[in-house]
């Protein structure tokens, strides 16, 4: 797996965006331009965390495998093994989905 070869530093999180819907519930095919940007992603790898003012390590609040909500813009695109991943700071992630 690509995420085993890549470990984010500090409070960074490596995510894989979910694939956009190409067919509506009614069966209509959507062209690429009309598909909205997918804001949901799966966490693939997390860094150890950032240091606070006292030098203590603050762990990252998300774990590998969790589904998160991303901002519309931002993140750094990373290509690993012909797959697209995005690198975000933990503070840029808007929230996580819980069951």
PDB file of N, CA and C in Angstrom:
ATOM      1  N   UNK A   1       0.832  -1.182   0.000  1.00  0.00           N
ATOM      2  CA  UNK A   1       0.000   0.000   0.000  1.00  0.00           C
ATOM      3  C   UNK A   1       0.881   1.252   0.000  1.00  0.00           C
ATOM      4  N   UNK A   2       0.418   2.276  -0.656  1.00  0.00           N
ATOM      5  CA  UNK A   2       1.202   3.493  -0.819  1.00  0.00           C
ATOM      6  C   UNK A   2       1.416   4.206   0.511  1.00  0.00           C
ATOM      7  N   UNK A   3       0.427   4.211   1.396  1.00  0.00           N
ATOM      8  CA  UNK A   3       0.540   4.964   2.632  1.00  0.00           C
ATOM      9  C   UNK A   3       1.527   4.349   3.599  1.00  0.00           C
ATOM     10  N   UNK A   4       1.941   3.118   3.395  1.00  0.00           N
ATOM     11  CA  UNK A   4       2.954   2.510   4.251  1.00  0.00           C
ATOM     12  C   UNK A   4       4.349   2.999   3.884  1.00  0.00           C
ATOM     13  N   UNK A   5       4.497   3.540   2.703  1.00  0.00           N
ATOM     14  CA  UNK A   5       5.771   4.068   2.253  1.00  0.00           C
ATOM     15  C   UNK A   5       5.916   5.540   2.616  1.00  0.00           C
ATOM     16  N   UNK A   6       4.858   6.163   3.074  1.00  0.00           N
ATOM     17  CA  UNK A   6       4.847   7.598   3.309  1.00  0.00           C
ATOM     18  C   UNK A   6       4.306   7.880   4.701  1.00  0.00           C
ATOM     19  N   UNK A   7       5.089   8.562   5.520  1.00  0.00           N
ATOM     20  CA  UNK A   7       4.658   8.940   6.861  1.00  0.00           C
ATOM     21  C   UNK A   7       4.672  10.462   6.968  1.00  0.00           C
ATOM     22  N   UNK A   8       3.513  11.089   7.151  1.00  0.00           N
ATOM     23  CA  UNK A   8       3.468  12.546   7.280  1.00  0.00           C
ATOM     24  C   UNK A   8       4.209  13.014   8.540  1.00  0.00           C
ATOM     25  N   UNK A   9       4.734  14.212   8.480  1.00  0.00           N
ATOM     26  CA  UNK A   9       5.423  14.792   9.634  1.00  0.00           C
ATOM     27  C   UNK A   9       4.491  15.703  10.406  1.00  0.00           C
ATOM     28  N   UNK A  10       4.827  15.912  11.672  1.00  0.00           N
ATOM     29  CA  UNK A  10       4.120  16.814  12.575  1.00  0.00           C
ATOM     30  C   UNK A  10       2.630  16.502  12.624  1.00  0.00           C
ATOM     31  N   UNK A  11       1.761  17.505  12.400  1.00  0.00           N
ATOM     32  CA  UNK A  11       0.312  17.299  12.521  1.00  0.00           C
ATOM     33  C   UNK A  11      -0.344  17.140  11.159  1.00  0.00           C
ATOM     34  N   UNK A  12       0.387  16.623  10.200  1.00  0.00           N
ATOM     35  CA  UNK A  12      -0.169  16.461   8.856  1.00  0.00           C
ATOM     36  C   UNK A  12      -0.891  15.123   8.729  1.00  0.00           C
ATOM     37  N   UNK A  13      -1.899  15.115   7.849  1.00  0.00           N
ATOM     38  CA  UNK A  13      -2.738  13.942   7.642  1.00  0.00           C
ATOM     39  C   UNK A  13      -2.803  13.651   6.144  1.00  0.00           C
ATOM     40  N   UNK A  14      -2.528  12.410   5.750  1.00  0.00           N
ATOM     41  CA  UNK A  14      -2.616  11.983   4.355  1.00  0.00           C
ATOM     42  C   UNK A  14      -3.987  11.364   4.139  1.00  0.00           C
ATOM     43  N   UNK A  15      -4.749  11.894   3.161  1.00  0.00           N
ATOM     44  CA  UNK A  15      -6.103  11.411   2.909  1.00  0.00           C
ATOM     45  C   UNK A  15      -6.263  11.035   1.447  1.00  0.00           C
ATOM     46  N   UNK A  16      -7.228  10.169   1.202  1.00  0.00           N
ATOM     47  CA  UNK A  16      -7.621   9.811  -0.163  1.00  0.00           C
ATOM     48  C   UNK A  16      -9.068  10.247  -0.330  1.00  0.00           C
ATOM     49  N   UNK A  17      -9.291  11.160  -1.284  1.00  0.00           N
ATOM     50  CA  UNK A  17     -10.657  11.657  -1.509  1.00  0.00           C
ATOM     51  C   UNK A  17     -11.537  10.544  -2.057  1.00  0.00           C
ATOM     52  N   UNK A  18     -12.807  10.568  -1.677  1.00  0.00           N
ATOM     53  CA  UNK A  18     -13.768   9.615  -2.206  1.00  0.00           C
ATOM     54  C   UNK A  18     -14.066   9.964  -3.663  1.00  0.00           C
ATOM     55  N   UNK A  19     -14.461   8.986  -4.443  1.00  0.00           N
ATOM     56  CA  UNK A  19     -14.722   9.178  -5.866  1.00  0.00           C
ATOM     57  C   UNK A  19     -16.078   9.862  -6.053  1.00  0.00           C
ATOM     58  N   UNK A  20     -16.128  10.804  -6.982  1.00  0.00           N
ATOM     59  CA  UNK A  20     -17.369  11.537  -7.263  1.00  0.00           C
ATOM     60  C   UNK A  20     -18.375  10.615  -7.932  1.00  0.00           C
ATOM     61  N   UNK A  21     -19.641  10.877  -7.657  1.00  0.00           N
ATOM     62  CA  UNK A  21     -20.722  10.108  -8.276  1.00  0.00           C
ATOM     63  C   UNK A  21     -20.777  10.428  -9.770  1.00  0.00           C
ATOM     64  N   UNK A  22     -20.835   9.395 -10.609  1.00  0.00           N
ATOM     65  CA  UNK A  22     -20.910   9.613 -12.053  1.00  0.00           C
ATOM     66  C   UNK A  22     -22.304   9.332 -12.605  1.00  0.00           C
ATOM     67  N   UNK A  23     -23.146   8.694 -11.784  1.00  0.00           N
ATOM     68  CA  UNK A  23     -24.509   8.372 -12.201  1.00  0.00           C
ATOM     69  C   UNK A  23     -25.463   8.809 -11.091  1.00  0.00           C
ATOM     70  N   UNK A  24     -26.545   9.490 -11.467  1.00  0.00           N
ATOM     71  CA  UNK A  24     -27.533   9.901 -10.473  1.00  0.00           C
ATOM     72  C   UNK A  24     -28.364   8.694 -10.049  1.00  0.00           C
ATOM     73  N   UNK A  25     -29.180   8.880  -9.025  1.00  0.00           N
ATOM     74  CA  UNK A  25     -30.052   7.793  -8.568  1.00  0.00           C
ATOM     75  C   UNK A  25     -31.042   7.382  -9.640  1.00  0.00           C
ATOM     76  N   UNK A  26     -31.383   8.313 -10.531  1.00  0.00           N
ATOM     77  CA  UNK A  26     -32.299   8.022 -11.629  1.00  0.00           C
ATOM     78  C   UNK A  26     -31.617   7.364 -12.822  1.00  0.00           C
ATOM     79  N   UNK A  27     -30.289   7.209 -12.782  1.00  0.00           N
ATOM     80  CA  UNK A  27     -29.567   6.540 -13.854  1.00  0.00           C
ATOM     81  C   UNK A  27     -28.989   7.462 -14.909  1.00  0.00           C
ATOM     82  N   UNK A  28     -29.007   8.762 -14.673  1.00  0.00           N
ATOM     83  CA  UNK A  28     -28.473   9.724 -15.642  1.00  0.00           C
ATOM     84  C   UNK A  28     -26.971   9.854 -15.444  1.00  0.00           C
ATOM     85  N   UNK A  29     -26.219   9.743 -16.530  1.00  0.00           N
ATOM     86  CA  UNK A  29     -24.758   9.886 -16.479  1.00  0.00           C
ATOM     87  C   UNK A  29     -24.406  11.372 -16.354  1.00  0.00           C
ATOM     88  N   UNK A  30     -23.506  11.690 -15.434  1.00  0.00           N
ATOM     89  CA  UNK A  30     -23.075  13.069 -15.230  1.00  0.00           C
ATOM     90  C   UNK A  30     -21.723  13.306 -15.896  1.00  0.00           C
ATOM     91  N   UNK A  31     -21.589  14.397 -16.670  1.00  0.00           N
ATOM     92  CA  UNK A  31     -20.272  14.722 -17.223  1.00  0.00           C
ATOM     93  C   UNK A  31     -19.338  15.215 -16.113  1.00  0.00           C
ATOM     94  N   UNK A  32     -18.045  15.157 -16.362  1.00  0.00           N
ATOM     95  CA  UNK A  32     -17.060  15.543 -15.351  1.00  0.00           C
ATOM     96  C   UNK A  32     -17.236  16.974 -14.865  1.00  0.00           C
ATOM     97  N   UNK A  33     -17.569  17.885 -15.757  1.00  0.00           N
ATOM     98  CA  UNK A  33     -17.682  19.292 -15.379  1.00  0.00           C
ATOM     99  C   UNK A  33     -18.840  19.556 -14.433  1.00  0.00           C
ATOM    100  N   UNK A  34     -19.874  18.751 -14.491  1.00  0.00           N
ATOM    101  CA  UNK A  34     -21.021  18.992 -13.624  1.00  0.00           C
ATOM    102  C   UNK A  34     -20.883  18.290 -12.276  1.00  0.00           C
ATOM    103  N   UNK A  35     -19.880  17.440 -12.131  1.00  0.00           N
ATOM    104  CA  UNK A  35     -19.685  16.759 -10.862  1.00  0.00           C
ATOM    105  C   UNK A  35     -19.073  17.729  -9.863  1.00  0.00           C
ATOM    106  N   UNK A  36     -19.607  17.749  -8.678  1.00  0.00           N
ATOM    107  CA  UNK A  36     -19.065  18.617  -7.645  1.00  0.00           C
ATOM    108  C   UNK A  36     -17.782  18.039  -7.078  1.00  0.00           C
ATOM    109  N   UNK A  37     -17.014  18.894  -6.437  1.00  0.00           N
ATOM    110  CA  UNK A  37     -15.780  18.444  -5.813  1.00  0.00           C
ATOM    111  C   UNK A  37     -16.142  17.647  -4.569  1.00  0.00           C
ATOM    112  N   UNK A  38     -15.530  16.494  -4.418  1.00  0.00           N
ATOM    113  CA  UNK A  38     -15.830  15.626  -3.286  1.00  0.00           C
ATOM    114  C   UNK A  38     -15.090  16.146  -2.061  1.00  0.00           C
ATOM    115  N   UNK A  39     -15.826  16.402  -0.990  1.00  0.00           N
ATOM    116  CA  UNK A  39     -15.248  16.947   0.222  1.00  0.00           C
ATOM    117  C   UNK A  39     -15.019  15.891   1.290  1.00  0.00           C
ATOM    118  N   UNK A  40     -15.402  14.649   1.003  1.00  0.00           N
ATOM    119  CA  UNK A  40     -15.192  13.562   1.956  1.00  0.00           C
ATOM    120  C   UNK A  40     -13.932  12.798   1.575  1.00  0.00           C
ATOM    121  N   UNK A  41     -13.235  12.311   2.601  1.00  0.00           N
ATOM    122  CA  UNK A  41     -12.009  11.562   2.345  1.00  0.00           C
ATOM    123  C   UNK A  41     -11.797  10.546   3.450  1.00  0.00           C
ATOM    124  N   UNK A  42     -10.948   9.570   3.161  1.00  0.00           N
ATOM    125  CA  UNK A  42     -10.553   8.556   4.132  1.00  0.00           C
ATOM    126  C   UNK A  42      -9.118   8.838   4.556  1.00  0.00           C
ATOM    127  N   UNK A  43      -8.870   8.804   5.853  1.00  0.00           N
ATOM    128  CA  UNK A  43      -7.528   9.033   6.374  1.00  0.00           C
ATOM    129  C   UNK A  43      -6.675   7.796   6.099  1.00  0.00           C
ATOM    130  N   UNK A  44      -5.533   8.008   5.445  1.00  0.00           N
ATOM    131  CA  UNK A  44      -4.640   6.905   5.092  1.00  0.00           C
ATOM    132  C   UNK A  44      -3.416   6.831   6.005  1.00  0.00           C
ATOM    133  N   UNK A  45      -2.931   7.974   6.478  1.00  0.00           N
ATOM    134  CA  UNK A  45      -1.774   8.012   7.377  1.00  0.00           C
ATOM    135  C   UNK A  45      -1.799   9.317   8.152  1.00  0.00           C
ATOM    136  N   UNK A  46      -1.272   9.289   9.368  1.00  0.00           N
ATOM    137  CA  UNK A  46      -1.214  10.495  10.198  1.00  0.00           C
ATOM    138  C   UNK A  46       0.192  10.654  10.761  1.00  0.00           C
ATOM    139  N   UNK A  47       0.571  11.905  10.985  1.00  0.00           N
ATOM    140  CA  UNK A  47       1.848  12.196  11.619  1.00  0.00           C
ATOM    141  C   UNK A  47       1.740  12.030  13.125  1.00  0.00           C
ATOM    142  N   UNK A  48       2.864  12.157  13.838  1.00  0.00           N
ATOM    143  CA  UNK A  48       2.853  11.963  15.294  1.00  0.00           C
ATOM    144  C   UNK A  48       2.166  13.084  16.056  1.00  0.00           C
ATOM    145  N   UNK A  49       2.060  14.272  15.461  1.00  0.00           N
ATOM    146  CA  UNK A  49       1.443  15.406  16.131  1.00  0.00           C
ATOM    147  C   UNK A  49       2.390  16.586  16.166  1.00  0.00           C
ATOM    148  N   UNK A  50       1.903  17.699  16.678  1.00  0.00           N
ATOM    149  CA  UNK A  50       2.705  18.916  16.764  1.00  0.00           C
ATOM    150  C   UNK A  50       3.076  19.182  18.217  1.00  0.00           C
ATOM    151  N   UNK A  51       4.080  19.988  18.407  1.00  0.00           N
ATOM    152  CA  UNK A  51       4.511  20.366  19.753  1.00  0.00           C
ATOM    153  C   UNK A  51       3.830  21.679  20.155  1.00  0.00           C
ATOM    154  N   UNK A  52       3.414  21.759  21.413  1.00  0.00           N
ATOM    155  CA  UNK A  52       2.817  22.997  21.906  1.00  0.00           C
ATOM    156  C   UNK A  52       3.907  23.916  22.450  1.00  0.00           C
ATOM    157  N   UNK A  53       3.532  25.024  23.071  1.00  0.00           N
ATOM    158  CA  UNK A  53       4.506  26.005  23.566  1.00  0.00           C
ATOM    159  C   UNK A  53       5.419  25.434  24.645  1.00  0.00           C
ATOM    160  N   UNK A  54       4.924  24.446  25.379  1.00  0.00           N
ATOM    161  CA  UNK A  54       5.715  23.823  26.437  1.00  0.00           C
ATOM    162  C   UNK A  54       6.607  22.707  25.918  1.00  0.00           C
ATOM    163  N   UNK A  55       6.518  22.408  24.631  1.00  0.00           N
ATOM    164  CA  UNK A  55       7.330  21.346  24.058  1.00  0.00           C
ATOM    165  C   UNK A  55       6.701  19.969  24.152  1.00  0.00           C
ATOM    166  N   UNK A  56       5.483  19.895  24.653  1.00  0.00           N
ATOM    167  CA  UNK A  56       4.795  18.610  24.769  1.00  0.00           C
ATOM    168  C   UNK A  56       4.160  18.243  23.433  1.00  0.00           C
ATOM    169  N   UNK A  57       4.158  16.961  23.135  1.00  0.00           N
ATOM    170  CA  UNK A  57       3.591  16.475  21.879  1.00  0.00           C
ATOM    171  C   UNK A  57       2.068  16.411  21.984  1.00  0.00           C
ATOM    172  N   UNK A  58       1.373  17.095  21.067  1.00  0.00           N
ATOM    173  CA  UNK A  58      -0.085  17.053  20.991  1.00  0.00           C
ATOM    174  C   UNK A  58      -0.451  16.061  19.898  1.00  0.00           C
ATOM    175  N   UNK A  59      -1.008  14.898  20.241  1.00  0.00           N
ATOM    176  CA  UNK A  59      -1.322  13.897  19.218  1.00  0.00           C
ATOM    177  C   UNK A  59      -2.428  14.370  18.280  1.00  0.00           C
ATOM    178  N   UNK A  60      -2.470  13.772  17.102  1.00  0.00           N
ATOM    179  CA  UNK A  60      -3.474  14.092  16.092  1.00  0.00           C
ATOM    180  C   UNK A  60      -4.802  13.470  16.504  1.00  0.00           C
ATOM    181  N   UNK A  61      -5.913  14.183  16.257  1.00  0.00           N
ATOM    182  CA  UNK A  61      -7.240  13.729  16.696  1.00  0.00           C
ATOM    183  C   UNK A  61      -7.912  12.742  15.760  1.00  0.00           C
ATOM    184  N   UNK A  62      -7.384  12.537  14.567  1.00  0.00           N
ATOM    185  CA  UNK A  62      -7.979  11.571  13.646  1.00  0.00           C
ATOM    186  C   UNK A  62      -7.080  10.349  13.552  1.00  0.00           C
ATOM    187  N   UNK A  63      -7.703   9.227  13.209  1.00  0.00           N
ATOM    188  CA  UNK A  63      -6.979   7.964  13.102  1.00  0.00           C
ATOM    189  C   UNK A  63      -7.109   7.408  11.692  1.00  0.00           C
ATOM    190  N   UNK A  64      -6.216   6.520  11.341  1.00  0.00           N
ATOM    191  CA  UNK A  64      -6.237   5.883  10.027  1.00  0.00           C
ATOM    192  C   UNK A  64      -7.555   5.136   9.856  1.00  0.00           C
ATOM    193  N   UNK A  65      -8.180   5.317   8.692  1.00  0.00           N
ATOM    194  CA  UNK A  65      -9.434   4.634   8.380  1.00  0.00           C
ATOM    195  C   UNK A  65     -10.673   5.468   8.630  1.00  0.00           C
ATOM    196  N   UNK A  66     -10.559   6.573   9.359  1.00  0.00           N
ATOM    197  CA  UNK A  66     -11.723   7.417   9.641  1.00  0.00           C
ATOM    198  C   UNK A  66     -12.082   8.246   8.415  1.00  0.00           C
ATOM    199  N   UNK A  67     -13.358   8.588   8.300  1.00  0.00           N
ATOM    200  CA  UNK A  67     -13.859   9.449   7.228  1.00  0.00           C
ATOM    201  C   UNK A  67     -13.888  10.875   7.754  1.00  0.00           C
ATOM    202  N   UNK A  68     -13.352  11.810   6.959  1.00  0.00           N
ATOM    203  CA  UNK A  68     -13.279  13.205   7.383  1.00  0.00           C
ATOM    204  C   UNK A  68     -13.895  14.118   6.339  1.00  0.00           C
ATOM    205  N   UNK A  69     -14.233  15.337   6.758  1.00  0.00           N
ATOM    206  CA  UNK A  69     -14.764  16.366   5.883  1.00  0.00           C
ATOM    207  C   UNK A  69     -13.659  17.377   5.626  1.00  0.00           C
ATOM    208  N   UNK A  70     -13.394  17.636   4.353  1.00  0.00           N
ATOM    209  CA  UNK A  70     -12.306  18.527   3.961  1.00  0.00           C
ATOM    210  C   UNK A  70     -12.836  19.867   3.483  1.00  0.00           C
ATOM    211  N   UNK A  71     -11.995  20.909   3.534  1.00  0.00           N
ATOM    212  CA  UNK A  71     -12.398  22.176   2.929  1.00  0.00           C
ATOM    213  C   UNK A  71     -12.404  22.041   1.412  1.00  0.00           C
ATOM    214  N   UNK A  72     -13.116  22.943   0.743  1.00  0.00           N
ATOM    215  CA  UNK A  72     -13.226  22.861  -0.709  1.00  0.00           C
ATOM    216  C   UNK A  72     -11.878  23.061  -1.388  1.00  0.00           C
ATOM    217  N   UNK A  73     -11.074  23.949  -0.843  1.00  0.00           N
ATOM    218  CA  UNK A  73      -9.758  24.220  -1.418  1.00  0.00           C
ATOM    219  C   UNK A  73      -8.688  23.949  -0.372  1.00  0.00           C
ATOM    220  N   UNK A  74      -7.487  23.656  -0.827  1.00  0.00           N
ATOM    221  CA  UNK A  74      -6.376  23.456   0.089  1.00  0.00           C
ATOM    222  C   UNK A  74      -5.822  22.050  -0.033  1.00  0.00           C
ATOM    223  N   UNK A  75      -4.826  21.788   0.743  1.00  0.00           N
ATOM    224  CA  UNK A  75      -4.165  20.494   0.714  1.00  0.00           C
ATOM    225  C   UNK A  75      -3.096  20.444  -0.362  1.00  0.00           C
ATOM    226  N   UNK A  76      -2.163  19.552  -0.186  1.00  0.00           N
ATOM    227  CA  UNK A  76      -1.080  19.351  -1.136  1.00  0.00           C
ATOM    228  C   UNK A  76      -1.268  18.011  -1.808  1.00  0.00           C
ATOM    229  N   UNK A  77      -1.297  18.016  -3.132  1.00  0.00           N
ATOM    230  CA  UNK A  77      -1.500  16.783  -3.887  1.00  0.00           C
ATOM    231  C   UNK A  77      -0.214  15.961  -3.861  1.00  0.00           C
ATOM    232  N   UNK A  78      -0.353  14.662  -3.564  1.00  0.00           N
ATOM    233  CA  UNK A  78       0.779  13.741  -3.520  1.00  0.00           C
ATOM    234  C   UNK A  78       0.413  12.526  -4.358  1.00  0.00           C
ATOM    235  N   UNK A  79       1.259  12.177  -5.327  1.00  0.00           N
ATOM    236  CA  UNK A  79       1.039  10.986  -6.147  1.00  0.00           C
ATOM    237  C   UNK A  79       1.929   9.858  -5.647  1.00  0.00           C
ATOM    238  N   UNK A  80       1.299   8.781  -5.191  1.00  0.00           N
ATOM    239  CA  UNK A  80       2.022   7.596  -4.730  1.00  0.00           C
ATOM    240  C   UNK A  80       1.451   6.376  -5.433  1.00  0.00           C
ATOM    241  N   UNK A  81       2.296   5.614  -6.102  1.00  0.00           N
ATOM    242  CA  UNK A  81       1.858   4.399  -6.810  1.00  0.00           C
ATOM    243  C   UNK A  81       0.683   4.680  -7.742  1.00  0.00           C
ATOM    244  N   UNK A  82       0.752   5.747  -8.516  1.00  0.00           N
ATOM    245  CA  UNK A  82      -0.263   6.115  -9.500  1.00  0.00           C
ATOM    246  C   UNK A  82      -1.632   6.395  -8.889  1.00  0.00           C
ATOM    247  N   UNK A  83      -1.682   6.759  -7.615  1.00  0.00           N
ATOM    248  CA  UNK A  83      -2.927   7.157  -6.962  1.00  0.00           C
ATOM    249  C   UNK A  83      -2.737   8.551  -6.397  1.00  0.00           C
ATOM    250  N   UNK A  84      -3.818   9.319  -6.369  1.00  0.00           N
ATOM    251  CA  UNK A  84      -3.772  10.679  -5.845  1.00  0.00           C
ATOM    252  C   UNK A  84      -4.161  10.699  -4.373  1.00  0.00           C
ATOM    253  N   UNK A  85      -3.306  11.291  -3.587  1.00  0.00           N
ATOM    254  CA  UNK A  85      -3.573  11.514  -2.172  1.00  0.00           C
ATOM    255  C   UNK A  85      -3.401  13.003  -1.914  1.00  0.00           C
ATOM    256  N   UNK A  86      -3.921  13.465  -0.787  1.00  0.00           N
ATOM    257  CA  UNK A  86      -3.786  14.870  -0.414  1.00  0.00           C
ATOM    258  C   UNK A  86      -3.286  14.953   1.016  1.00  0.00           C
ATOM    259  N   UNK A  87      -2.425  15.927   1.249  1.00  0.00           N
ATOM    260  CA  UNK A  87      -1.827  16.136   2.556  1.00  0.00           C
ATOM    261  C   UNK A  87      -2.407  17.411   3.153  1.00  0.00           C
ATOM    262  N   UNK A  88      -3.028  17.298   4.325  1.00  0.00           N
ATOM    263  CA  UNK A  88      -3.633  18.432   5.015  1.00  0.00           C
ATOM    264  C   UNK A  88      -3.051  18.542   6.413  1.00  0.00           C
ATOM    265  N   UNK A  89      -3.017  19.755   6.928  1.00  0.00           N
ATOM    266  CA  UNK A  89      -2.726  19.929   8.351  1.00  0.00           C
ATOM    267  C   UNK A  89      -3.983  19.530   9.119  1.00  0.00           C
ATOM    268  N   UNK A  90      -3.796  19.048  10.323  1.00  0.00           N
ATOM    269  CA  UNK A  90      -4.948  18.616  11.114  1.00  0.00           C
ATOM    270  C   UNK A  90      -5.933  19.770  11.323  1.00  0.00           C
ATOM    271  N   UNK A  91      -5.450  20.968  11.512  1.00  0.00           N
ATOM    272  CA  UNK A  91      -6.317  22.134  11.740  1.00  0.00           C
ATOM    273  C   UNK A  91      -7.148  22.506  10.523  1.00  0.00           C
ATOM    274  N   UNK A  92      -6.746  22.060   9.320  1.00  0.00           N
ATOM    275  CA  UNK A  92      -7.499  22.361   8.108  1.00  0.00           C
ATOM    276  C   UNK A  92      -8.684  21.406   7.908  1.00  0.00           C
ATOM    277  N   UNK A  93      -8.662  20.258   8.561  1.00  0.00           N
ATOM    278  CA  UNK A  93      -9.761  19.297   8.447  1.00  0.00           C
ATOM    279  C   UNK A  93     -10.951  19.826   9.233  1.00  0.00           C
ATOM    280  N   UNK A  94     -12.102  19.868   8.575  1.00  0.00           N
ATOM    281  CA  UNK A  94     -13.291  20.484   9.164  1.00  0.00           C
ATOM    282  C   UNK A  94     -13.973  19.611  10.218  1.00  0.00           C
ATOM    283  N   UNK A  95     -13.914  18.319  10.061  1.00  0.00           N
ATOM    284  CA  UNK A  95     -14.566  17.419  11.017  1.00  0.00           C
ATOM    285  C   UNK A  95     -14.402  15.987  10.584  1.00  0.00           C
ATOM    286  N   UNK A  96     -14.894  15.075  11.430  1.00  0.00           N
ATOM    287  CA  UNK A  96     -14.859  13.659  11.090  1.00  0.00           C
ATOM    288  C   UNK A  96     -16.241  13.057  11.289  1.00  0.00           C
ATOM    289  N   UNK A  97     -16.522  12.049  10.480  1.00  0.00           N
ATOM    290  CA  UNK A  97     -17.817  11.379  10.551  1.00  0.00           C
ATOM    291  C   UNK A  97     -17.757  10.274  11.608  1.00  0.00           C
ATOM    292  N   UNK A  98     -18.805  10.185  12.419  1.00  0.00           N
ATOM    293  CA  UNK A  98     -18.889   9.139  13.438  1.00  0.00           C
ATOM    294  C   UNK A  98     -20.112   8.284  13.155  1.00  0.00           C
ATOM    295  N   UNK A  99     -20.037   7.042  13.529  1.00  0.00           N
ATOM    296  CA  UNK A  99     -21.158   6.115  13.322  1.00  0.00           C
ATOM    297  C   UNK A  99     -22.165   6.215  14.428  1.00  0.00           C
TER     298      UNK A  99
END
